[in-house]
Structure formats: structure tokens, C-alpha cells
PDB file of N, CA and C in Angstrom:
ATOM      1  N   MET A   1       1.147  -1.385   0.160  1.00  0.00           N
ATOM      2  CA  MET A   1      -0.012   0.175  -0.015  1.00  0.00           C
ATOM      3  C   MET A   1       0.428   1.232  -0.264  1.00  0.00           C
ATOM      4  N   THR A   2       0.644   2.217  -1.062  1.00  0.00           N
ATOM      5  CA  THR A   2       1.661   3.208  -0.933  1.00  0.00           C
ATOM      6  C   THR A   2       1.213   4.447  -0.126  1.00  0.00           C
ATOM      7  N   ALA A   3       2.359   5.636   0.101  1.00  0.00           N
ATOM      8  CA  ALA A   3       1.519   6.372   1.246  1.00  0.00           C
ATOM      9  C   ALA A   3       0.467   7.077   0.547  1.00  0.00           C
ATOM     10  N   ASN A   4       0.549   7.188  -0.466  1.00  0.00           N
ATOM     11  CA  ASN A   4      -1.038   8.119  -0.933  1.00  0.00           C
ATOM     12  C   ASN A   4      -2.282   7.201  -0.919  1.00  0.00           C
ATOM     13  N   HIS A   5      -2.154   5.834  -0.820  1.00  0.00           N
ATOM     14  CA  HIS A   5      -3.052   5.115  -0.563  1.00  0.00           C
ATOM     15  C   HIS A   5      -3.475   5.290   0.678  1.00  0.00           C
ATOM     16  N   ARG A   6      -2.849   5.554   1.695  1.00  0.00           N
ATOM     17  CA  ARG A   6      -3.219   5.322   3.048  1.00  0.00           C
ATOM     18  C   ARG A   6      -3.266   6.223   3.549  1.00  0.00           C
ATOM     19  N   LYS A   7      -2.847   7.550   3.181  1.00  0.00           N
ATOM     20  CA  LYS A   7      -3.284   9.197   2.634  1.00  0.00           C
ATOM     21  C   LYS A   7      -4.844   9.450   2.380  1.00  0.00           C
ATOM     22  N   ASN A   8      -5.364   8.711   1.436  1.00  0.00           N
ATOM     23  CA  ASN A   8      -6.934   8.753   1.293  1.00  0.00           C
ATOM     24  C   ASN A   8      -7.538   8.083   1.856  1.00  0.00           C
ATOM     25  N   LEU A   9      -7.262   6.617   2.372  1.00  0.00           N
ATOM     26  CA  LEU A   9      -8.085   5.768   3.518  1.00  0.00           C
ATOM     27  C   LEU A   9      -8.498   6.627   5.065  1.00  0.00           C
ATOM     28  N   LYS A  10      -7.511   6.954   5.222  1.00  0.00           N
ATOM     29  CA  LYS A  10      -7.047   8.190   6.645  1.00  0.00           C
ATOM     30  C   LYS A  10      -8.328   9.294   6.174  1.00  0.00           C
ATOM     31  N   HIS A  11      -8.306   9.933   5.051  1.00  0.00           N
ATOM     32  CA  HIS A  11      -8.743  10.765   4.768  1.00  0.00           C
ATOM     33  C   HIS A  11     -10.759  10.535   5.078  1.00  0.00           C
ATOM     34  N   ALA A  12     -10.775   9.329   3.872  1.00  0.00           N
ATOM     35  CA  ALA A  12     -12.435   8.482   4.318  1.00  0.00           C
ATOM     36  C   ALA A  12     -12.762   8.333   5.435  1.00  0.00           C
ATOM     37  N   ALA A  13     -12.128   8.303   6.028  1.00  0.00           N
ATOM     38  CA  ALA A  13     -12.087   7.355   7.525  1.00  0.00           C
ATOM     39  C   ALA A  13     -12.757   8.984   8.729  1.00  0.00           C
ATOM     40  N   MET A  14     -11.661   9.652   8.205  1.00  0.00           N
ATOM     41  CA  MET A  14     -11.719  10.847   8.695  1.00  0.00           C
ATOM     42  C   MET A  14     -13.365  11.571   8.496  1.00  0.00           C
ATOM     43  N   VAL A  15     -13.931  11.398   7.399  1.00  0.00           N
ATOM     44  CA  VAL A  15     -14.905  12.265   6.831  1.00  0.00           C
ATOM     45  C   VAL A  15     -16.033  11.817   7.284  1.00  0.00           C
ATOM     46  N   LYS A  16     -16.045  10.302   7.336  1.00  0.00           N
ATOM     47  CA  LYS A  16     -17.267   8.958   7.835  1.00  0.00           C
ATOM     48  C   LYS A  16     -17.409   9.951   9.540  1.00  0.00           C
ATOM     49  N   ILE A  17     -16.129   9.825  10.192  1.00  0.00           N
ATOM     50  CA  ILE A  17     -16.265   9.545  11.690  1.00  0.00           C
ATOM     51  C   ILE A  17     -16.823  11.360  11.903  1.00  0.00           C
ATOM     52  N   ARG A  18     -16.399  12.478  11.031  1.00  0.00           N
ATOM     53  CA  ARG A  18     -16.890  13.883  11.327  1.00  0.00           C
ATOM     54  C   ARG A  18     -18.384  14.150  11.107  1.00  0.00           C
ATOM     55  N   ALA A  19     -18.927  12.813  10.372  1.00  0.00           N
ATOM     56  CA  ALA A  19     -19.987  13.396  10.113  1.00  0.00           C
ATOM     57  C   ALA A  19     -21.325  12.482  11.082  1.00  0.00           C
ATOM     58  N   VAL A  20     -20.545  11.207  11.628  1.00  0.00           N
ATOM     59  CA  VAL A  20     -21.190  10.741  12.802  1.00  0.00           C
ATOM     60  C   VAL A  20     -21.220  12.095  13.750  1.00  0.00           C
ATOM     61  N   GLN A  21     -19.877  12.490  14.306  1.00  0.00           N
ATOM     62  CA  GLN A  21     -19.784  13.678  15.506  1.00  0.00           C
ATOM     63  C   GLN A  21     -21.020  14.754  15.146  1.00  0.00           C
ATOM     64  N   GLU A  22     -21.272  15.021  13.848  1.00  0.00           N
ATOM     65  CA  GLU A  22     -21.657  15.591  13.487  1.00  0.00           C
ATOM     66  C   GLU A  22     -23.932  15.415  14.527  1.00  0.00           C
ATOM     67  N   ILE A  23     -23.572  14.186  14.065  1.00  0.00           N
ATOM     68  CA  ILE A  23     -24.750  13.938  14.184  1.00  0.00           C
ATOM     69  C   ILE A  23     -24.782  14.017  15.628  1.00  0.00           C
ATOM     70  N   LEU A  24     -23.926  13.316  16.369  1.00  0.00           N
ATOM     71  CA  LEU A  24     -24.600  13.224  17.955  1.00  0.00           C
ATOM     72  C   LEU A  24     -24.677  13.877  18.668  1.00  0.00           C
ATOM     73  N   ARG A  25     -23.816  15.281  18.069  1.00  0.00           N
ATOM     74  CA  ARG A  25     -24.041  16.593  18.762  1.00  0.00           C
ATOM     75  C   ARG A  25     -25.537  16.890  18.848  1.00  0.00           C
ATOM     76  N   ARG A  26     -26.390  16.605  17.617  1.00  0.00           N
ATOM     77  CA  ARG A  26     -27.420  16.843  17.697  1.00  0.00           C
ATOM     78  C   ARG A  26     -28.444  15.654  18.298  1.00  0.00           C
ATOM     79  N   TRP A  27     -28.242  14.340  18.713  1.00  0.00           N
ATOM     80  CA  TRP A  27     -28.433  13.775  19.971  1.00  0.00           C
ATOM     81  C   TRP A  27     -28.770  13.986  21.374  1.00  0.00           C
ATOM     82  N   ASP A  28     -27.204  14.130  22.003  1.00  0.00           N
ATOM     83  CA  ASP A  28     -27.332  15.088  23.181  1.00  0.00           C
ATOM     84  C   ASP A  28     -27.931  14.211  23.928  1.00  0.00           C
ATOM     85  N   PRO A  29     -28.249  13.167  24.469  1.00  0.00           N
ATOM     86  CA  PRO A  29     -29.133  12.854  25.239  1.00  0.00           C
ATOM     87  C   PRO A  29     -28.844  13.529  27.033  1.00  0.00           C
ATOM     88  N   ILE A  30     -27.853  14.209  26.989  1.00  0.00           N
ATOM     89  CA  ILE A  30     -27.315  14.220  28.461  1.00  0.00           C
ATOM     90  C   ILE A  30     -27.796  16.197  28.286  1.00  0.00           C
ATOM     91  N   ASN A  31     -28.473  16.208  27.497  1.00  0.00           N
ATOM     92  CA  ASN A  31     -28.710  17.998  27.209  1.00  0.00           C
ATOM     93  C   ASN A  31     -27.587  19.016  27.430  1.00  0.00           C
ATOM     94  N   VAL A  32     -26.414  19.320  27.323  1.00  0.00           N
ATOM     95  CA  VAL A  32     -25.365  19.483  26.966  1.00  0.00           C
ATOM     96  C   VAL A  32     -25.122  20.800  26.124  1.00  0.00           C
ATOM     97  N   ALA A  33     -26.215  20.506  25.946  1.00  0.00           N
ATOM     98  CA  ALA A  33     -25.232  21.430  23.788  1.00  0.00           C
ATOM     99  C   ALA A  33     -24.149  21.966  23.756  1.00  0.00           C
ATOM    100  N   PRO A  34     -24.040  20.267  23.099  1.00  0.00           N
ATOM    101  CA  PRO A  34     -22.204  20.524  22.869  1.00  0.00           C
ATOM    102  C   PRO A  34     -21.592  22.141  22.149  1.00  0.00           C
ATOM    103  N   GLY A  35     -20.506  22.495  22.710  1.00  0.00           N
ATOM    104  CA  GLY A  35     -20.275  23.637  22.199  1.00  0.00           C
ATOM    105  C   GLY A  35     -20.881  24.846  22.746  1.00  0.00           C
ATOM    106  N   THR A  36     -22.000  24.344  23.692  1.00  0.00           N
ATOM    107  CA  THR A  36     -22.740  26.271  23.669  1.00  0.00           C
ATOM    108  C   THR A  36     -22.146  25.696  25.327  1.00  0.00           C
ATOM    109  N   VAL A  37     -22.843  24.881  26.031  1.00  0.00           N
ATOM    110  CA  VAL A  37     -22.803  24.516  27.965  1.00  0.00           C
ATOM    111  C   VAL A  37     -21.387  23.504  27.564  1.00  0.00           C
ATOM    112  N   ALA A  38     -21.159  22.679  26.964  1.00  0.00           N
ATOM    113  CA  ALA A  38     -20.114  21.484  27.030  1.00  0.00           C
ATOM    114  C   ALA A  38     -19.232  21.510  25.987  1.00  0.00           C
ATOM    115  N   PRO A  39     -18.228  20.841  25.903  1.00  0.00           N
ATOM    116  CA  PRO A  39     -17.436  21.222  25.336  1.00  0.00           C
ATOM    117  C   PRO A  39     -18.275  20.436  23.417  1.00  0.00           C
ATOM    118  N   SER A  40     -17.891  21.180  22.352  1.00  0.00           N
ATOM    119  CA  SER A  40     -18.201  20.536  21.093  1.00  0.00           C
ATOM    120  C   SER A  40     -17.872  19.002  20.458  1.00  0.00           C
ATOM    121  N   ASP A  41     -16.919  18.595  21.554  1.00  0.00           N
ATOM    122  CA  ASP A  41     -16.258  17.195  21.277  1.00  0.00           C
ATOM    123  C   ASP A  41     -17.191  16.432  22.297  1.00  0.00           C
ATOM    124  N   GLU A  42     -18.240  16.933  22.862  1.00  0.00           N
ATOM    125  CA  GLU A  42     -19.008  16.064  24.396  1.00  0.00           C
ATOM    126  C   GLU A  42     -18.904  14.078  23.773  1.00  0.00           C
ATOM    127  N   TYR A  43     -19.629  13.815  22.772  1.00  0.00           N
ATOM    128  CA  TYR A  43     -19.781  12.927  21.980  1.00  0.00           C
ATOM    129  C   TYR A  43     -18.910  12.176  21.169  1.00  0.00           C
ATOM    130  N   ASP A  44     -17.850  12.881  20.953  1.00  0.00           N
ATOM    131  CA  ASP A  44     -17.281  12.661  19.357  1.00  0.00           C
ATOM    132  C   ASP A  44     -16.308  11.075  19.484  1.00  0.00           C
ATOM    133  N   SER A  45     -16.250  10.747  20.752  1.00  0.00           N
ATOM    134  CA  SER A  45     -15.417   9.964  20.929  1.00  0.00           C
ATOM    135  C   SER A  45     -16.159   8.310  20.488  1.00  0.00           C
ATOM    136  N   TYR A  46     -17.286   8.436  20.595  1.00  0.00           N
ATOM    137  CA  TYR A  46     -18.541   7.304  20.331  1.00  0.00           C
ATOM    138  C   TYR A  46     -18.867   7.489  18.849  1.00  0.00           C
ATOM    139  N   ALA A  47     -17.794   8.309  17.783  1.00  0.00           N
ATOM    140  CA  ALA A  47     -18.175   8.092  16.564  1.00  0.00           C
ATOM    141  C   ALA A  47     -16.986   6.992  16.259  1.00  0.00           C
ATOM    142  N   PRO A  48     -16.000   6.742  16.394  1.00  0.00           N
ATOM    143  CA  PRO A  48     -15.522   5.840  15.458  1.00  0.00           C
ATOM    144  C   PRO A  48     -15.547   4.144  15.730  1.00  0.00           C
ATOM    145  N   HIS A  49     -16.425   3.884  16.908  1.00  0.00           N
ATOM    146  CA  HIS A  49     -16.969   2.738  16.552  1.00  0.00           C
ATOM    147  C   HIS A  49     -18.847   2.514  15.889  1.00  0.00           C
ATOM    148  N   ILE A  50     -19.520   4.084  16.008  1.00  0.00           N
ATOM    149  CA  ILE A  50     -19.830   3.923  15.653  1.00  0.00           C
ATOM    150  C   ILE A  50     -20.269   3.446  14.037  1.00  0.00           C
ATOM    151  N   VAL A  51     -19.062   4.247  13.438  1.00  0.00           N
ATOM    152  CA  VAL A  51     -18.599   4.094  12.045  1.00  0.00           C
ATOM    153  C   VAL A  51     -18.343   2.743  11.499  1.00  0.00           C
ATOM    154  N   SER A  52     -17.474   2.214  12.963  1.00  0.00           N
ATOM    155  CA  SER A  52     -17.470   0.563  12.965  1.00  0.00           C
ATOM    156  C   SER A  52     -18.703  -0.012  12.330  1.00  0.00           C
ATOM    157  N   MET A  53     -19.535  -0.018  13.735  1.00  0.00           N
ATOM    158  CA  MET A  53     -20.934  -0.731  13.033  1.00  0.00           C
ATOM    159  C   MET A  53     -21.277  -0.740  11.959  1.00  0.00           C
ATOM    160  N   VAL A  54     -21.127   1.074  11.579  1.00  0.00           N
ATOM    161  CA  VAL A  54     -22.271   0.776  10.160  1.00  0.00           C
ATOM    162  C   VAL A  54     -21.824  -0.260   8.680  1.00  0.00           C
ATOM    163  N   GLU A  55     -20.290  -0.170   8.940  1.00  0.00           N
ATOM    164  CA  GLU A  55     -19.632  -0.351   8.210  1.00  0.00           C
ATOM    165  C   GLU A  55     -19.789  -1.722   8.164  1.00  0.00           C
ATOM    166  N   GLY A  56     -19.812  -2.514   9.482  1.00  0.00           N
ATOM    167  CA  GLY A  56     -20.093  -4.197   9.377  1.00  0.00           C
ATOM    168  C   GLY A  56     -21.532  -4.302   9.480  1.00  0.00           C
ATOM    169  N   GLY A  57     -22.494  -3.216   8.837  1.00  0.00           N
ATOM    170  CA  GLY A  57     -23.775  -3.908   8.410  1.00  0.00           C
ATOM    171  C   GLY A  57     -24.637  -3.767   9.453  1.00  0.00           C
ATOM    172  N   CYS A  58     -24.397  -3.593  10.682  1.00  0.00           N
ATOM    173  CA  CYS A  58     -25.814  -2.977  11.348  1.00  0.00           C
ATOM    174  C   CYS A  58     -27.102  -2.601  11.249  1.00  0.00           C
ATOM    175  N   THR A  59     -27.686  -3.022  11.738  1.00  0.00           N
ATOM    176  CA  THR A  59     -29.605  -2.205  11.929  1.00  0.00           C
ATOM    177  C   THR A  59     -29.380  -0.868  12.236  1.00  0.00           C
ATOM    178  N   ILE A  60     -30.398   0.181  11.779  1.00  0.00           N
ATOM    179  CA  ILE A  60     -30.781   0.732  12.661  1.00  0.00           C
ATOM    180  C   ILE A  60     -31.317   0.624  13.801  1.00  0.00           C
ATOM    181  N   ASP A  61     -31.932  -0.277  13.841  1.00  0.00           N
ATOM    182  CA  ASP A  61     -32.469  -1.164  14.968  1.00  0.00           C
ATOM    183  C   ASP A  61     -31.233  -1.301  15.965  1.00  0.00           C
ATOM    184  N   ASP A  62     -30.113  -1.969  15.801  1.00  0.00           N
ATOM    185  CA  ASP A  62     -28.949  -2.314  16.290  1.00  0.00           C
ATOM    186  C   ASP A  62     -28.167  -0.823  16.720  1.00  0.00           C
ATOM    187  N   LEU A  63     -27.996   0.096  15.960  1.00  0.00           N
ATOM    188  CA  LEU A  63     -27.196   1.183  16.004  1.00  0.00           C
ATOM    189  C   LEU A  63     -28.270   1.965  17.467  1.00  0.00           C
ATOM    190  N   ALA A  64     -29.551   1.931  17.333  1.00  0.00           N
ATOM    191  CA  ALA A  64     -30.128   2.762  17.812  1.00  0.00           C
ATOM    192  C   ALA A  64     -30.012   2.142  19.337  1.00  0.00           C
ATOM    193  N   SER A  65     -30.000   0.547  20.012  1.00  0.00           N
ATOM    194  CA  SER A  65     -29.500   0.373  20.427  1.00  0.00           C
ATOM    195  C   SER A  65     -28.600   0.118  21.066  1.00  0.00           C
ATOM    196  N   HIS A  66     -27.729   0.708  20.486  1.00  0.00           N
ATOM    197  CA  HIS A  66     -26.305   1.005  20.998  1.00  0.00           C
ATOM    198  C   HIS A  66     -26.307   2.176  21.703  1.00  0.00           C
ATOM    199  N   LEU A  67     -27.331   3.333  21.078  1.00  0.00           N
ATOM    200  CA  LEU A  67     -26.891   4.644  21.311  1.00  0.00           C
ATOM    201  C   LEU A  67     -27.472   4.404  23.152  1.00  0.00           C
ATOM    202  N   GLU A  68     -28.589   3.560  22.867  1.00  0.00           N
ATOM    203  CA  GLU A  68     -29.494   3.318  24.354  1.00  0.00           C
ATOM    204  C   GLU A  68     -28.516   2.949  25.427  1.00  0.00           C
ATOM    205  N   HIS A  69     -27.467   2.114  24.681  1.00  0.00           N
ATOM    206  CA  HIS A  69     -26.535   1.313  25.495  1.00  0.00           C
ATOM    207  C   HIS A  69     -25.719   2.393  26.293  1.00  0.00           C
ATOM    208  N   LEU A  70     -25.523   3.177  25.232  1.00  0.00           N
ATOM    209  CA  LEU A  70     -24.264   4.405  25.735  1.00  0.00           C
ATOM    210  C   LEU A  70     -24.687   5.567  26.965  1.00  0.00           C
ATOM    211  N   CYS A  71     -26.152   5.449  26.848  1.00  0.00           N
ATOM    212  CA  CYS A  71     -26.669   6.796  27.528  1.00  0.00           C
ATOM    213  C   CYS A  71     -27.065   5.702  29.190  1.00  0.00           C
ATOM    214  N   VAL A  72     -27.418   4.402  29.344  1.00  0.00           N
ATOM    215  CA  VAL A  72     -27.505   3.783  30.702  1.00  0.00           C
ATOM    216  C   VAL A  72     -26.208   3.737  31.258  1.00  0.00           C
ATOM    217  N   GLN A  73     -25.252   3.136  30.115  1.00  0.00           N
ATOM    218  CA  GLN A  73     -23.702   2.171  30.886  1.00  0.00           C
ATOM    219  C   GLN A  73     -22.526   3.639  30.917  1.00  0.00           C
ATOM    220  N   ALA A  74     -22.543   4.231  29.491  1.00  0.00           N
ATOM    221  CA  ALA A  74     -21.640   5.579  29.453  1.00  0.00           C
ATOM    222  C   ALA A  74     -21.771   6.665  30.325  1.00  0.00           C
ATOM    223  N   MET A  75     -23.246   6.867  30.250  1.00  0.00           N
ATOM    224  CA  MET A  75     -23.471   8.451  30.821  1.00  0.00           C
ATOM    225  C   MET A  75     -24.375   8.233  32.344  1.00  0.00           C
ATOM    226  N   GLY A  76     -24.651   7.306  32.676  1.00  0.00           N
ATOM    227  CA  GLY A  76     -25.684   6.807  33.939  1.00  0.00           C
ATOM    228  C   GLY A  76     -26.778   7.522  33.662  1.00  0.00           C
ATOM    229  N   LEU A  77     -27.578   7.100  32.244  1.00  0.00           N
ATOM    230  CA  LEU A  77     -29.282   7.935  32.722  1.00  0.00           C
ATOM    231  C   LEU A  77     -29.550   7.237  33.079  1.00  0.00           C
ATOM    232  N   ARG A  78     -31.148   7.078  33.059  1.00  0.00           N
ATOM    233  CA  ARG A  78     -32.229   5.856  33.694  1.00  0.00           C
ATOM    234  C   ARG A  78     -32.218   4.740  32.172  1.00  0.00           C
ATOM    235  N   ALA A  79     -32.903   3.905  32.272  1.00  0.00           N
ATOM    236  CA  ALA A  79     -33.455   2.791  31.288  1.00  0.00           C
ATOM    237  C   ALA A  79     -33.694   3.410  29.876  1.00  0.00           C
ATOM    238  N   SER A  80     -33.825   3.416  29.007  1.00  0.00           N
ATOM    239  CA  SER A  80     -34.190   3.878  27.833  1.00  0.00           C
ATOM    240  C   SER A  80     -36.207   3.596  28.125  1.00  0.00           C
ATOM    241  N   SER A  81     -36.194   4.976  27.051  1.00  0.00           N
ATOM    242  CA  SER A  81     -37.943   5.002  27.287  1.00  0.00           C
ATOM    243  C   SER A  81     -38.722   5.502  26.139  1.00  0.00           C
ATOM    244  N   ALA A  82     -39.722   5.189  26.012  1.00  0.00           N
ATOM    245  CA  ALA A  82     -40.358   4.927  24.493  1.00  0.00           C
ATOM    246  C   ALA A  82     -39.641   6.446  23.395  1.00  0.00           C
ATOM    247  N   GLN A  83     -40.116   7.260  24.354  1.00  0.00           N
ATOM    248  CA  GLN A  83     -39.562   8.881  23.658  1.00  0.00           C
ATOM    249  C   GLN A  83     -37.611   8.841  23.696  1.00  0.00           C
ATOM    250  N   SER A  84     -36.852   8.290  24.494  1.00  0.00           N
ATOM    251  CA  SER A  84     -35.471   8.136  24.593  1.00  0.00           C
ATOM    252  C   SER A  84     -35.063   7.149  22.976  1.00  0.00           C
ATOM    253  N   ARG A  85     -36.207   6.397  23.264  1.00  0.00           N
ATOM    254  CA  ARG A  85     -35.544   5.053  21.839  1.00  0.00           C
ATOM    255  C   ARG A  85     -35.934   5.638  20.286  1.00  0.00           C
ATOM    256  N   SER A  86     -37.516   6.502  20.813  1.00  0.00           N
ATOM    257  CA  SER A  86     -37.683   7.305  19.364  1.00  0.00           C
ATOM    258  C   SER A  86     -36.250   7.781  18.701  1.00  0.00           C
ATOM    259  N   HIS A  87     -35.910   8.654  20.109  1.00  0.00           N
ATOM    260  CA  HIS A  87     -34.790  10.012  19.037  1.00  0.00           C
ATOM    261  C   HIS A  87     -34.218   8.907  18.902  1.00  0.00           C
ATOM    262  N   SER A  88     -33.596   7.818  19.556  1.00  0.00           N
ATOM    263  CA  SER A  88     -32.418   7.290  18.980  1.00  0.00           C
ATOM    264  C   SER A  88     -32.635   6.950  17.873  1.00  0.00           C
ATOM    265  N   LEU A  89     -33.481   6.066  17.672  1.00  0.00           N
ATOM    266  CA  LEU A  89     -34.436   5.243  16.197  1.00  0.00           C
ATOM    267  C   LEU A  89     -33.718   6.484  14.998  1.00  0.00           C
ATOM    268  N   LYS A  90     -34.348   7.673  15.513  1.00  0.00           N
ATOM    269  CA  LYS A  90     -34.369   8.725  14.665  1.00  0.00           C
ATOM    270  C   LYS A  90     -32.319   9.181  14.586  1.00  0.00           C
ATOM    271  N   LEU A  91     -32.193   9.000  15.230  1.00  0.00           N
ATOM    272  CA  LEU A  91     -30.671   9.592  14.735  1.00  0.00           C
ATOM    273  C   LEU A  91     -29.811   8.471  14.138  1.00  0.00           C
ATOM    274  N   ALA A  92     -30.137   7.307  14.707  1.00  0.00           N
ATOM    275  CA  ALA A  92     -29.345   6.262  13.999  1.00  0.00           C
ATOM    276  C   ALA A  92     -29.835   5.658  12.748  1.00  0.00           C
ATOM    277  N   ALA A  93     -31.407   6.270  11.841  1.00  0.00           N
ATOM    278  CA  ALA A  93     -30.894   6.376  10.777  1.00  0.00           C
ATOM    279  C   ALA A  93     -30.600   7.416  10.264  1.00  0.00           C
ATOM    280  N   GLN A  94     -30.515   8.576  10.785  1.00  0.00           N
ATOM    281  CA  GLN A  94     -29.840   9.660  10.232  1.00  0.00           C
ATOM    282  C   GLN A  94     -28.249   9.170   9.479  1.00  0.00           C
ATOM    283  N   ILE A  95     -27.533   8.679  11.080  1.00  0.00           N
ATOM    284  CA  ILE A  95     -26.257   8.359  10.792  1.00  0.00           C
ATOM    285  C   ILE A  95     -26.041   7.327   9.391  1.00  0.00           C
ATOM    286  N   VAL A  96     -27.019   6.040   9.292  1.00  0.00           N
ATOM    287  CA  VAL A  96     -27.138   4.741   8.829  1.00  0.00           C
ATOM    288  C   VAL A  96     -27.260   5.944   7.476  1.00  0.00           C
ATOM    289  N   ASP A  97     -28.320   6.596   6.961  1.00  0.00           N
ATOM    290  CA  ASP A  97     -27.741   7.239   5.557  1.00  0.00           C
ATOM    291  C   ASP A  97     -27.288   8.017   5.043  1.00  0.00           C
ATOM    292  N   ARG A  98     -26.884   8.793   6.324  1.00  0.00           N
ATOM    293  CA  ARG A  98     -25.294   9.505   6.278  1.00  0.00           C
ATOM    294  C   ARG A  98     -24.200   8.748   5.342  1.00  0.00           C
ATOM    295  N   LEU A  99     -23.572   7.929   6.155  1.00  0.00           N
ATOM    296  CA  LEU A  99     -22.840   6.418   5.647  1.00  0.00           C
ATOM    297  C   LEU A  99     -23.080   5.767   4.635  1.00  0.00           C
ATOM    298  N   ARG A 100     -24.114   5.495   4.423  1.00  0.00           N
ATOM    299  CA  ARG A 100     -24.486   4.931   3.468  1.00  0.00           C
ATOM    300  C   ARG A 100     -23.733   5.223   1.853  1.00  0.00           C
ATOM    301  N   PRO A 101     -23.758   6.510   1.287  1.00  0.00           N
ATOM    302  CA  PRO A 101     -23.590   6.985   0.151  1.00  0.00           C
ATOM    303  C   PRO A 101     -21.753   6.497   0.569  1.00  0.00           C
ATOM    304  N   PHE A 102     -21.036   6.624   1.435  1.00  0.00           N
ATOM    305  CA  PHE A 102     -19.484   5.469   1.786  1.00  0.00           C
ATOM    306  C   PHE A 102     -19.547   4.756   0.900  1.00  0.00           C
ATOM    307  N   ASN A 103     -20.295   4.084   1.861  1.00  0.00           N
ATOM    308  CA  ASN A 103     -20.395   2.561   1.472  1.00  0.00           C
ATOM    309  C   ASN A 103     -20.675   1.546   0.163  1.00  0.00           C
ATOM    310  N   PHE A 104     -21.686   2.643  -0.318  1.00  0.00           N
ATOM    311  CA  PHE A 104     -22.343   2.556  -0.985  1.00  0.00           C
ATOM    312  C   PHE A 104     -22.231   2.764  -2.679  1.00  0.00           C
ATOM    313  N   PRO A 105     -21.351   2.766  -3.456  1.00  0.00           N
ATOM    314  CA  PRO A 105     -21.305   4.018  -4.909  1.00  0.00           C
ATOM    315  C   PRO A 105     -22.790   3.928  -5.656  1.00  0.00           C
TER     316      PRO A 105
END
């Protein structure tokens, strides 16, 4: 693999990660308004794994469940509610739709 090819792969990966980070900032399950009240990168660390999940073929339901799991396990929020699940499904669909053009020419 050439250095240029590695550079292109890294750039493509970073574009995907930034796209997911943008959506996660709208997700904001702990209501910290990233970039306003909290650092703008509050949820950014979750993006690489989410990109991997989507590239691995996860469903929207799988991704929404992962987002709900993050809320409970990583953020210490209460168990999923119908409202939080609905919000997570909406954002999971946006993530999958946003990444789909990268995975399917």
C-alpha cells in the first residue's frame, strides 16, 4: 500500500467520523448543548465505533440500541424510555443514511 493510498483511506475515515460526530451533537442525551454549555466534542469519542458498526452492516435498530446502551452504561442515565428510544432510532437512521453513500457507490 502506497503512502498516498494510506492518506486517502485516512481522509475517508475522518470524513465518516466527522459526519457521525455532527449527528451525535444533535443527539445530546444529557442535554449539555455541545459547543454551548459543554465542549463541542462531548460525544465525539463514540463516533469511530459507530462508523465501524455501520460499516459492519448493523441495522438501524442495532445502532439505536447501542446509543441507548451508551446512555445507560457510559452516561449513567435511566433505562431507555419510549421517548429516548424514538430519538435514538431517528438519529441512528440519520447516521446510517449519512454513511450509506460512502459504503455503496
